[in-house]
Amino acid sequence: SHPASERALEDQPSSASPLQPGLLEEKRRAVLLEQAIRKLPERQATAITLVHLQGFTGEEAAQVMGTSQEALESLLARARRSLKASLLLAGVEARRGGE
């Protein structure tokens, strides 16, 4: 008889099971994006993180960063350009909803 913990492990999907189509690519994109964000200048990385990863509004992010919304938009634009270039160099195509 197997202890309950071993049975629970046996009930889990095998690590050798095939990944859902696209899951590996999504993980790769996430890792590359994280690496690209870390290479950005600190204020650009902060702006991208607050707005796109943590869901802050532009106004909220500007307040947190102690800057104007116009300056925040400029930081975001520069960060997006840098991220797009980094990801294209890494072979990741830009994706947007509806395109």
Protein backbone atom coordinates (compact mmCIF):
# COMPACT_ATOMS: atom_id res chain seq x y z
CA SER A 1 0.00 0.00 0.00
CA HIS A 2 1.29 3.45 -0.93
CA PRO A 3 1.23 6.29 1.57
CA ALA A 4 -1.26 9.05 0.70
CA SER A 5 1.54 11.43 -0.34
CA GLU A 6 2.83 8.96 -2.94
CA ARG A 7 -0.68 8.39 -4.31
CA ALA A 8 -1.16 12.15 -4.59
CA LEU A 9 2.05 12.36 -6.61
CA GLU A 10 0.92 9.52 -8.85
CA ASP A 11 -2.33 11.39 -9.55
CA GLN A 12 -0.43 14.42 -10.84
CA PRO A 13 0.14 14.71 -14.58
CA SER A 14 3.48 13.32 -15.66
CA SER A 15 6.18 15.90 -16.30
CA ALA A 16 6.77 14.04 -19.57
CA SER A 17 3.21 14.74 -20.76
CA PRO A 18 3.02 16.88 -23.88
CA LEU A 19 2.65 20.61 -23.25
CA GLN A 20 -0.40 22.37 -24.53
CA PRO A 21 0.32 23.93 -27.92
CA GLY A 22 1.85 27.36 -27.44
CA LEU A 23 2.46 27.00 -23.71
CA LEU A 24 6.22 26.62 -24.15
CA GLU A 25 6.30 29.62 -26.49
CA GLU A 26 4.35 31.72 -23.97
CA LYS A 27 6.83 30.79 -21.23
CA ARG A 28 9.74 31.68 -23.53
CA ARG A 29 8.15 35.06 -24.33
CA ALA A 30 7.61 35.78 -20.64
CA VAL A 31 11.22 34.97 -19.78
CA LEU A 32 12.57 37.08 -22.65
CA LEU A 33 10.29 39.99 -21.68
CA GLU A 34 11.41 39.81 -18.06
CA GLN A 35 15.06 39.83 -19.16
CA ALA A 36 14.46 42.77 -21.51
CA ILE A 37 12.70 44.77 -18.76
CA ARG A 38 15.66 44.20 -16.43
CA LYS A 39 17.98 45.76 -19.05
CA LEU A 40 15.94 48.98 -19.28
CA PRO A 41 17.00 52.13 -17.43
CA GLU A 42 15.49 52.02 -13.93
CA ARG A 43 12.76 54.63 -14.47
CA GLN A 44 11.62 53.04 -17.74
CA ALA A 45 11.49 49.61 -16.10
CA THR A 46 9.51 51.04 -13.18
CA ALA A 47 7.03 52.75 -15.51
CA ILE A 48 6.47 49.57 -17.56
CA THR A 49 6.13 47.45 -14.43
CA LEU A 50 3.63 49.76 -12.76
CA VAL A 51 1.41 50.29 -15.82
CA HIS A 52 1.62 47.02 -17.72
CA LEU A 53 2.37 44.43 -15.07
CA GLN A 54 0.74 45.85 -11.94
CA GLY A 55 -2.23 47.56 -13.60
CA PHE A 56 -1.70 51.11 -12.36
CA THR A 57 -3.32 53.90 -14.35
CA GLY A 58 -1.02 56.49 -15.89
CA GLU A 59 -2.05 58.97 -13.22
CA GLU A 60 -1.38 56.50 -10.40
CA ALA A 61 1.99 55.46 -11.81
CA ALA A 62 3.05 59.10 -12.27
CA GLN A 63 2.15 59.82 -8.63
CA VAL A 64 4.07 56.78 -7.36
CA MET A 65 7.10 57.81 -9.42
CA GLY A 66 6.84 61.49 -8.43
CA THR A 67 6.62 62.66 -12.04
CA SER A 68 4.09 64.17 -14.44
CA GLN A 69 1.84 62.05 -16.64
CA GLU A 70 3.59 63.54 -19.68
CA ALA A 71 6.98 62.41 -18.37
CA LEU A 72 5.51 58.98 -17.59
CA GLU A 73 4.16 58.66 -21.14
CA SER A 74 7.59 59.56 -22.49
CA LEU A 75 9.22 56.90 -20.28
CA LEU A 76 6.66 54.33 -21.41
CA ALA A 77 7.16 55.17 -25.09
CA ARG A 78 10.94 54.83 -24.82
CA ALA A 79 10.62 51.61 -22.82
CA ARG A 80 8.18 50.10 -25.34
CA ARG A 81 10.53 50.92 -28.24
CA SER A 82 13.47 49.34 -26.41
CA LEU A 83 11.45 46.26 -25.45
CA LYS A 84 10.16 45.80 -28.98
CA ALA A 85 13.69 46.03 -30.38
CA SER A 86 15.05 43.61 -27.75
CA LEU A 87 12.29 41.08 -28.35
CA LEU A 88 12.62 41.31 -32.13
CA LEU A 89 16.36 40.65 -31.79
CA ALA A 90 15.48 37.61 -29.67
CA GLY A 91 13.17 36.37 -32.39
CA VAL A 92 9.88 37.12 -30.65
CA GLU A 93 7.30 38.76 -32.89
CA ALA A 94 5.26 41.59 -31.45
CA ARG A 95 1.68 40.63 -30.67
CA ARG A 96 -1.27 42.90 -30.21
CA GLY A 97 -4.88 42.08 -29.62
CA GLY A 98 -6.93 42.20 -32.82
CA GLU A 99 -3.99 42.23 -35.22
